[in-house]
N, C-alpha and C. Protein backbone atom coordinates (compact mmCIF):
# COMPACT_ATOMS: atom_id res chain seq x y z
N MET A 1 -66.74 12.94 0.43
CA MET A 1 -65.41 12.29 -0.50
C MET A 1 -64.87 13.78 -1.19
N LYS A 2 -63.63 13.27 -1.19
CA LYS A 2 -62.88 14.31 -1.51
C LYS A 2 -62.93 14.28 -3.02
N MET A 3 -62.95 15.30 -3.65
CA MET A 3 -63.27 15.51 -5.31
C MET A 3 -61.75 14.75 -5.85
N ARG A 4 -60.94 14.55 -5.27
CA ARG A 4 -59.85 13.75 -5.80
C ARG A 4 -60.08 12.54 -5.75
N ASN A 5 -60.61 12.41 -5.17
CA ASN A 5 -61.17 10.29 -4.74
C ASN A 5 -62.42 10.08 -6.05
N VAL A 6 -62.71 11.43 -6.52
CA VAL A 6 -63.92 11.15 -7.85
C VAL A 6 -63.28 11.02 -8.51
N VAL A 7 -62.28 11.70 -8.53
CA VAL A 7 -61.77 11.85 -10.18
C VAL A 7 -60.74 10.56 -10.34
N LEU A 8 -59.73 10.11 -9.43
CA LEU A 8 -59.41 8.67 -9.58
C LEU A 8 -60.34 7.75 -9.58
N THR A 9 -61.46 7.70 -8.85
CA THR A 9 -62.42 6.78 -9.60
C THR A 9 -62.81 6.31 -10.93
N MET A 10 -63.12 7.47 -11.36
CA MET A 10 -63.67 7.83 -12.70
C MET A 10 -62.29 7.15 -13.65
N GLY A 11 -61.31 7.70 -13.63
CA GLY A 11 -60.13 7.52 -14.11
C GLY A 11 -59.69 5.94 -14.48
N ILE A 12 -60.03 5.10 -12.95
CA ILE A 12 -60.24 3.88 -12.14
C ILE A 12 -61.35 3.11 -13.84
N GLY A 13 -62.47 4.03 -13.85
CA GLY A 13 -63.40 3.23 -14.40
C GLY A 13 -63.22 3.22 -16.06
N ALA A 14 -62.41 4.55 -16.36
CA ALA A 14 -61.97 4.61 -17.71
C ALA A 14 -61.25 3.72 -18.34
N ALA A 15 -60.21 3.28 -17.30
CA ALA A 15 -59.06 2.30 -17.49
C ALA A 15 -59.75 0.65 -17.80
N ALA A 16 -60.58 0.84 -16.93
CA ALA A 16 -61.49 -0.76 -16.82
C ALA A 16 -62.38 -0.71 -18.16
N GLY A 17 -63.08 0.69 -18.60
CA GLY A 17 -63.70 0.20 -19.83
C GLY A 17 -62.85 0.03 -21.15
N ALA A 18 -61.76 0.52 -20.84
CA ALA A 18 -60.38 0.57 -22.28
C ALA A 18 -60.58 -0.79 -22.36
N VAL A 19 -59.84 -1.55 -21.33
CA VAL A 19 -59.65 -2.90 -21.25
C VAL A 19 -60.50 -3.49 -21.81
N ALA A 20 -61.83 -3.95 -21.28
CA ALA A 20 -63.09 -4.36 -21.78
C ALA A 20 -63.39 -3.63 -23.41
N ALA A 21 -63.01 -2.59 -23.75
CA ALA A 21 -63.51 -2.70 -25.16
C ALA A 21 -62.42 -3.11 -26.17
N MET A 22 -60.97 -3.47 -26.02
CA MET A 22 -60.36 -3.98 -26.57
C MET A 22 -60.22 -5.12 -26.91
N MET A 23 -61.29 -5.88 -25.79
CA MET A 23 -61.64 -7.40 -26.49
C MET A 23 -62.86 -7.57 -27.33
N LEU A 24 -63.26 -5.91 -27.66
CA LEU A 24 -64.40 -6.49 -28.94
C LEU A 24 -63.52 -6.18 -30.11
N PRO A 25 -64.39 -6.72 -31.14
CA PRO A 25 -63.86 -6.17 -32.76
C PRO A 25 -63.83 -4.89 -33.08
N LYS A 26 -62.46 -5.10 -33.78
CA LYS A 26 -62.26 -3.74 -34.24
C LYS A 26 -63.56 -2.57 -35.02
N GLN A 27 -64.14 -3.36 -35.38
CA GLN A 27 -65.61 -2.58 -36.41
C GLN A 27 -66.85 -3.05 -35.82
N SER A 28 -66.82 -3.56 -34.30
CA SER A 28 -68.06 -3.22 -33.54
C SER A 28 -68.57 -1.71 -33.25
N ALA A 29 -69.60 -2.12 -33.51
CA ALA A 29 -70.61 -0.55 -32.97
C ALA A 29 -70.25 -0.37 -31.57
N ALA A 30 -70.63 -1.48 -30.99
CA ALA A 30 -69.89 -1.50 -29.37
C ALA A 30 -68.65 -1.07 -28.83
N ARG A 31 -67.59 -1.39 -29.40
CA ARG A 31 -66.01 -0.67 -29.39
C ARG A 31 -66.39 0.51 -30.01
N LYS A 32 -66.70 1.13 -31.10
CA LYS A 32 -67.07 2.53 -31.32
C LYS A 32 -67.72 3.33 -29.96
N LEU A 33 -68.46 2.92 -29.52
CA LEU A 33 -69.36 3.38 -28.80
C LEU A 33 -68.62 4.07 -27.44
N VAL A 34 -68.25 3.04 -27.51
CA VAL A 34 -67.06 2.90 -26.02
C VAL A 34 -66.25 3.78 -25.89
N ASN A 35 -65.55 3.63 -27.14
CA ASN A 35 -64.30 4.53 -27.10
C ASN A 35 -64.54 6.24 -27.42
N LYS A 36 -65.95 5.78 -27.80
CA LYS A 36 -66.39 7.69 -27.42
C LYS A 36 -66.59 7.76 -26.27
N ALA A 37 -67.11 7.17 -25.81
CA ALA A 37 -67.60 7.39 -24.37
C ALA A 37 -66.33 7.51 -23.28
N ALA A 38 -65.25 6.60 -23.73
CA ALA A 38 -63.77 6.82 -22.93
C ALA A 38 -63.35 8.23 -23.11
N ASP A 39 -63.52 8.87 -24.54
CA ASP A 39 -62.83 10.06 -24.92
C ASP A 39 -63.59 11.10 -24.03
N LYS A 40 -64.82 10.95 -23.77
CA LYS A 40 -65.42 12.24 -23.15
C LYS A 40 -64.93 12.08 -21.96
N VAL A 41 -65.36 11.00 -21.18
CA VAL A 41 -64.71 10.64 -19.94
C VAL A 41 -63.38 11.05 -19.73
N GLU A 42 -62.46 10.65 -20.58
CA GLU A 42 -61.34 11.72 -20.32
C GLU A 42 -61.16 12.86 -20.73
N ASP A 43 -61.92 13.56 -21.23
CA ASP A 43 -61.87 15.12 -21.33
C ASP A 43 -62.31 15.62 -20.17
N ALA A 44 -63.56 14.65 -19.59
CA ALA A 44 -64.07 15.44 -18.30
C ALA A 44 -63.01 15.09 -17.08
N VAL A 45 -62.83 14.45 -16.87
CA VAL A 45 -61.79 14.06 -16.22
C VAL A 45 -60.89 15.70 -16.03
N GLN A 46 -59.88 15.90 -17.17
CA GLN A 46 -59.27 16.58 -17.81
C GLN A 46 -59.16 17.86 -17.00
N SER A 47 -60.96 18.17 -17.86
CA SER A 47 -61.25 19.34 -17.13
C SER A 47 -61.61 19.69 -15.72
N VAL A 48 -61.95 18.78 -15.03
CA VAL A 48 -61.98 18.82 -13.76
C VAL A 48 -60.91 18.63 -12.96
N THR A 49 -59.78 18.07 -13.44
CA THR A 49 -58.71 18.38 -12.61
C THR A 49 -57.92 19.37 -12.94
N ALA A 50 -57.85 19.93 -14.35
CA ALA A 50 -57.61 21.64 -14.14
C ALA A 50 -58.05 22.82 -13.33
N LYS A 51 -59.49 22.52 -13.44
CA LYS A 51 -60.03 23.09 -12.56
C LYS A 51 -60.02 23.26 -11.02
N ILE A 52 -59.58 21.79 -10.58
CA ILE A 52 -59.27 22.02 -9.00
C ILE A 52 -57.92 22.37 -8.91
N THR A 53 -56.76 22.22 -9.73
CA THR A 53 -55.95 22.68 -9.64
C THR A 53 -55.42 24.06 -9.84
N GLN A 54 -56.17 24.54 -10.39
CA GLN A 54 -56.54 26.26 -10.86
C GLN A 54 -57.15 26.85 -9.31
N GLU A 55 -58.34 26.27 -8.60
CA GLU A 55 -58.83 26.76 -7.52
C GLU A 55 -58.07 26.44 -6.43
N SER A 56 -56.89 25.33 -6.65
CA SER A 56 -55.75 25.42 -5.46
C SER A 56 -54.79 26.34 -5.56
N ASP A 57 -54.47 26.73 -6.35
CA ASP A 57 -53.49 27.56 -6.54
C ASP A 57 -53.73 28.88 -6.33
N MET A 58 -55.18 29.31 -5.98
CA MET A 58 -55.38 30.37 -6.11
C MET A 58 -55.26 30.85 -4.58
């Protein structure tokens, strides 16, 4: 499986999680937890994307 496909799948999963989180009440502990997890996934995807881009430019 290509790394690009993995990153794309992670992005789609994060988007689906964000949609589900928007349905929860704003003060819900579950919503806060989901938001933290989504932020971590977004950071990881950006990091992997930057690394792939950097390595492909070499």
